[in-house]
Protein backbone atom coordinates (compact mmCIF):
# COMPACT_ATOMS: atom_id res chain seq x y z
CA MET A 1 -58.01 -60.49 39.30
CA SER A 2 -57.31 -64.40 41.37
CA TYR A 3 -58.75 -66.93 39.77
CA ASP A 4 -57.91 -69.93 41.83
CA ARG A 5 -59.03 -70.90 45.15
CA THR A 6 -55.47 -72.64 46.87
CA VAL A 7 -54.66 -75.32 49.89
CA ARG A 8 -51.22 -76.36 50.40
CA LEU A 9 -50.71 -79.61 52.21
CA SER A 10 -47.80 -81.57 53.44
CA SER A 11 -49.22 -85.07 52.08
CA ASP A 12 -47.39 -86.47 49.19
CA PHE A 13 -48.68 -86.21 45.74
CA ASP A 14 -50.65 -89.71 45.58
CA THR A 15 -52.29 -89.46 49.43
CA ALA A 16 -53.15 -85.58 47.82
CA VAL A 17 -55.08 -87.29 44.85
CA THR A 18 -56.37 -90.35 47.16
CA ALA A 19 -58.22 -87.44 48.99
CA VAL A 20 -59.03 -84.88 46.66
CA ARG A 21 -61.02 -87.67 45.02
CA LYS A 22 -63.18 -88.16 48.20
CA ALA A 23 -63.59 -84.74 48.81
CA LEU A 24 -64.81 -84.11 45.72
CA ALA A 25 -67.30 -86.66 45.59
CA ASP A 26 -68.54 -85.87 49.56
CA GLN A 27 -69.41 -82.33 47.58
CA GLY A 28 -71.08 -84.49 44.95
CA PHE A 29 -68.84 -84.25 42.12
CA GLY A 30 -67.74 -86.78 39.99
CA VAL A 31 -64.78 -86.36 37.94
CA LEU A 32 -64.49 -86.59 34.47
CA THR A 33 -61.44 -86.10 32.73
CA GLU A 34 -58.15 -86.90 34.16
CA ILE A 35 -54.81 -85.53 32.32
CA ASP A 36 -51.15 -86.45 33.90
CA VAL A 37 -49.71 -83.31 32.97
CA LYS A 38 -45.84 -84.47 34.12
CA ALA A 39 -46.45 -87.76 31.52
CA THR A 40 -47.72 -86.10 29.24
CA LEU A 41 -44.73 -84.10 28.54
CA LYS A 42 -42.69 -86.37 29.09
CA GLY A 43 -43.83 -88.97 26.43
CA LYS A 44 -44.58 -86.07 23.39
CA LEU A 45 -41.80 -83.39 24.45
CA GLY A 46 -39.25 -85.43 26.63
CA HIS A 47 -39.99 -83.01 29.43
CA ASP A 48 -39.74 -83.39 33.10
CA MET A 49 -41.19 -81.76 35.75
CA GLU A 50 -42.94 -82.21 38.94
CA ASP A 51 -46.24 -84.72 39.62
CA TYR A 52 -49.07 -82.67 38.34
CA LEU A 53 -52.70 -83.86 37.67
CA ILE A 54 -55.72 -81.99 35.78
CA LEU A 55 -58.73 -83.68 37.65
CA GLY A 56 -62.09 -81.99 34.94
CA ALA A 57 -64.43 -82.09 38.64
CA CYS A 58 -68.40 -82.30 37.17
CA ASN A 59 -71.52 -81.45 39.64
CA PRO A 60 -74.36 -82.77 37.54
CA PRO A 61 -77.05 -80.28 38.94
CA LEU A 62 -75.11 -77.47 38.87
CA ALA A 63 -74.00 -78.21 35.86
CA HIS A 64 -77.60 -77.86 34.09
CA ARG A 65 -77.86 -74.87 36.46
CA ALA A 66 -74.99 -73.13 34.63
CA LEU A 67 -76.56 -74.66 30.82
CA GLU A 68 -79.70 -73.38 31.37
CA ALA A 69 -78.70 -70.08 31.90
CA ASP A 70 -75.82 -69.63 29.08
CA ARG A 71 -75.64 -72.63 26.93
CA SER A 72 -71.80 -71.04 25.89
CA ILE A 73 -70.92 -72.12 29.68
CA GLY A 74 -69.83 -75.35 28.58
CA LEU A 75 -66.36 -73.62 27.61
CA LEU A 76 -65.69 -73.23 31.64
CA LEU A 77 -67.00 -76.72 32.07
CA PRO A 78 -65.87 -78.66 33.83
CA CYS A 79 -64.48 -77.27 36.55
CA ASN A 80 -60.45 -77.79 36.63
CA VAL A 81 -58.82 -79.10 39.57
CA VAL A 82 -55.60 -79.13 39.68
CA VAL A 83 -53.11 -81.19 42.22
CA ARG A 84 -49.32 -80.62 41.39
CA ARG A 85 -46.41 -81.11 43.36
CA ASP A 86 -44.06 -77.90 44.59
CA GLY A 87 -41.26 -78.10 46.07
CA ASP A 88 -41.95 -80.20 49.76
CA THR A 89 -45.76 -79.89 49.24
CA THR A 90 -48.40 -80.41 47.73
CA LEU A 91 -50.65 -77.36 45.90
CA VAL A 92 -54.38 -78.51 45.38
CA GLN A 93 -56.37 -75.71 42.93
CA ALA A 94 -59.99 -75.16 41.93
CA LEU A 95 -61.14 -72.78 39.82
CA ASP A 96 -62.71 -69.68 40.93
CA PRO A 97 -66.76 -70.34 39.81
CA GLY A 98 -66.85 -66.64 40.26
CA THR A 99 -65.17 -66.55 37.45
CA MET A 100 -68.12 -67.51 35.51
CA VAL A 101 -70.03 -64.54 36.01
CA THR A 102 -67.03 -62.17 35.80
CA LEU A 103 -66.49 -64.08 32.42
CA THR A 104 -70.22 -63.83 31.32
CA GLY A 105 -71.64 -60.73 32.82
CA LEU A 106 -74.47 -62.77 32.90
CA PRO A 107 -76.28 -62.51 37.35
CA ALA A 108 -77.99 -65.54 36.40
CA LEU A 109 -75.01 -67.46 36.46
CA GLU A 110 -74.32 -65.98 40.17
CA PRO A 111 -76.14 -68.44 42.68
CA VAL A 112 -74.84 -70.84 40.44
CA ALA A 113 -71.57 -70.11 40.55
CA THR A 114 -71.94 -69.11 44.61
CA ASP A 115 -73.53 -72.88 45.13
CA ALA A 116 -70.43 -74.24 43.47
CA THR A 117 -67.79 -71.87 45.52
CA ALA A 118 -69.64 -73.49 48.38
CA ARG A 119 -69.21 -76.84 47.91
CA LEU A 120 -65.27 -76.23 46.16
CA ASP A 121 -64.32 -74.33 48.75
CA ALA A 122 -66.04 -77.21 51.53
CA ALA A 123 -64.17 -80.10 49.68
CA LEU A 124 -60.73 -77.75 49.82
CA ALA A 125 -61.05 -77.28 53.45
CA SER A 126 -61.82 -80.88 54.09
CA LEU A 127 -58.49 -81.54 52.91
CA THR A 128 -56.37 -79.20 55.40
C-alpha cells in the first residue's frame, strides 16, 4: 500500500521549503509543527544526514470535520509533509490522506480525505 504523494524538485532545499510553505498556505494549510530531523539527530546522536524537515500541516476546517467523524483521528493529524534532499534533488512528500480511511475503515472520513487529497495534490502540483 502506497501511503505517500511525492514530487521531485530540482531546486535546492531552502528554496523548496519556502515554496512548500507557500503552496500549503495557498491551499488553506498552516504549519503547526516543524521538526528539523537533520539538526535533531546531529544534536542528540552526533549523526550526520541530508537535509530533512517534517512540517505538520493543518487545514482547520478539514481537521474539524475529521475530528467530528472520529475523535481518535487526532493520532493521524496534522498532515505530515516532508521536505528532504535526495542526491541532487529535493523530494517533497505528503502523507496520502486516504490512509485515514484505510486505517480506520470509517466511510465518514472519505469526503474529508478526498478534499484533503485534492488540496495536497494541488499544493504539490504547484511546485513542479
